[in-house]
Amino acid sequence: MKLYVAPMDSVVVEVDESGRVRLESESWSQPTLQERRAIIYAAREEMAALAELVDILEREQKSPRR
């Protein structure tokens, strides 16, 4: 996984079951409340963007070609 978190100017590459995160080029750490909120916000935004991408591509697939 690679999730860019703009407020942190960091990329999350792994998350474990206990909520610790590993940022690109860093070791595992427990994010602060602010960091957790920033990561959650970035993840939700990315999920929305990916859902839109899927919708667009599926719509194009279903429409007749000209």
C-alpha atoms as a PDB file:
ATOM      1  CA  MET A   1       0.000   0.000   0.000  1.00  0.00           C
ATOM      2  CA  LYS A   2       1.094   3.553  -0.629  1.00  0.00           C
ATOM      3  CA  LEU A   3      -1.081   6.347   0.693  1.00  0.00           C
ATOM      4  CA  TYR A   4       0.143   9.923   0.467  1.00  0.00           C
ATOM      5  CA  VAL A   5      -0.949  11.994   3.481  1.00  0.00           C
ATOM      6  CA  ALA A   6      -0.559  15.648   2.501  1.00  0.00           C
ATOM      7  CA  PRO A   7      -0.693  17.271   5.975  1.00  0.00           C
ATOM      8  CA  MET A   8       2.131  14.975   7.089  1.00  0.00           C
ATOM      9  CA  ASP A   9       3.940  15.146   3.722  1.00  0.00           C
ATOM     10  CA  SER A  10       4.461  11.399   4.158  1.00  0.00           C
ATOM     11  CA  VAL A  11       3.540   8.132   2.508  1.00  0.00           C
ATOM     12  CA  VAL A  12       2.021   5.348   4.600  1.00  0.00           C
ATOM     13  CA  VAL A  13       3.277   1.993   3.354  1.00  0.00           C
ATOM     14  CA  GLU A  14       1.997  -0.419   6.034  1.00  0.00           C
ATOM     15  CA  VAL A  15      -0.435  -0.572   8.930  1.00  0.00           C
ATOM     16  CA  ASP A  16      -0.581  -3.352  11.519  1.00  0.00           C
ATOM     17  CA  GLU A  17      -3.475  -4.732  13.575  1.00  0.00           C
ATOM     18  CA  SER A  18      -2.582  -2.570  16.569  1.00  0.00           C
ATOM     19  CA  GLY A  19      -2.800   0.645  14.537  1.00  0.00           C
ATOM     20  CA  ARG A  20       0.909   1.269  14.193  1.00  0.00           C
ATOM     21  CA  VAL A  21       1.992   2.648  10.835  1.00  0.00           C
ATOM     22  CA  ARG A  22       5.167   2.467   8.833  1.00  0.00           C
ATOM     23  CA  LEU A  23       5.935   5.516   6.771  1.00  0.00           C
ATOM     24  CA  GLU A  24       8.150   5.355   3.721  1.00  0.00           C
ATOM     25  CA  SER A  25      11.817   5.325   4.796  1.00  0.00           C
ATOM     26  CA  GLU A  26      10.867   5.169   8.498  1.00  0.00           C
ATOM     27  CA  SER A  27      10.300   2.491  11.119  1.00  0.00           C
ATOM     28  CA  TRP A  28       7.033   1.467  12.764  1.00  0.00           C
ATOM     29  CA  SER A  29       5.401   4.037  15.057  1.00  0.00           C
ATOM     30  CA  GLN A  30       2.118   4.739  16.812  1.00  0.00           C
ATOM     31  CA  PRO A  31       0.572   7.782  15.114  1.00  0.00           C
ATOM     32  CA  THR A  32      -0.578  10.723  17.200  1.00  0.00           C
ATOM     33  CA  LEU A  33      -4.273  11.612  17.228  1.00  0.00           C
ATOM     34  CA  GLN A  34      -3.634  14.326  14.628  1.00  0.00           C
ATOM     35  CA  GLU A  35      -1.695  11.910  12.429  1.00  0.00           C
ATOM     36  CA  ARG A  36      -4.424   9.267  12.727  1.00  0.00           C
ATOM     37  CA  ARG A  37      -7.050  11.801  11.663  1.00  0.00           C
ATOM     38  CA  ALA A  38      -4.914  12.915   8.709  1.00  0.00           C
ATOM     39  CA  ILE A  39      -4.361   9.296   7.617  1.00  0.00           C
ATOM     40  CA  ILE A  40      -8.064   8.464   7.919  1.00  0.00           C
ATOM     41  CA  TYR A  41      -9.023  11.581   5.948  1.00  0.00           C
ATOM     42  CA  ALA A  42      -6.493  10.785   3.200  1.00  0.00           C
ATOM     43  CA  ALA A  43      -7.679   7.167   3.029  1.00  0.00           C
ATOM     44  CA  ARG A  44     -11.328   8.188   2.720  1.00  0.00           C
ATOM     45  CA  GLU A  45     -10.497  10.716  -0.001  1.00  0.00           C
ATOM     46  CA  GLU A  46      -8.517   8.079  -1.892  1.00  0.00           C
ATOM     47  CA  MET A  47     -11.367   5.561  -1.567  1.00  0.00           C
ATOM     48  CA  ALA A  48     -13.806   8.119  -2.998  1.00  0.00           C
ATOM     49  CA  ALA A  49     -11.467   8.870  -5.904  1.00  0.00           C
ATOM     50  CA  LEU A  50     -11.018   5.157  -6.630  1.00  0.00           C
ATOM     51  CA  ALA A  51     -14.784   4.552  -6.491  1.00  0.00           C
ATOM     52  CA  GLU A  52     -15.267   7.357  -9.013  1.00  0.00           C
ATOM     53  CA  LEU A  53     -12.587   5.840 -11.256  1.00  0.00           C
ATOM     54  CA  VAL A  54     -14.300   2.441 -11.151  1.00  0.00           C
ATOM     55  CA  ASP A  55     -17.684   4.027 -11.922  1.00  0.00           C
ATOM     56  CA  ILE A  56     -16.270   5.875 -14.935  1.00  0.00           C
ATOM     57  CA  LEU A  57     -14.504   2.831 -16.320  1.00  0.00           C
ATOM     58  CA  GLU A  58     -17.526   0.575 -15.799  1.00  0.00           C
ATOM     59  CA  ARG A  59     -19.800   3.148 -17.425  1.00  0.00           C
ATOM     60  CA  GLU A  60     -17.525   3.336 -20.471  1.00  0.00           C
ATOM     61  CA  GLN A  61     -17.461  -0.449 -20.676  1.00  0.00           C
ATOM     62  CA  LYS A  62     -21.282  -0.651 -20.693  1.00  0.00           C
ATOM     63  CA  SER A  63     -21.880   2.145 -23.209  1.00  0.00           C
ATOM     64  CA  PRO A  64     -21.829   1.181 -26.887  1.00  0.00           C
ATOM     65  CA  ARG A  65     -18.700   2.040 -28.784  1.00  0.00           C
ATOM     66  CA  ARG A  66     -18.970   4.516 -31.628  1.00  0.00           C
END
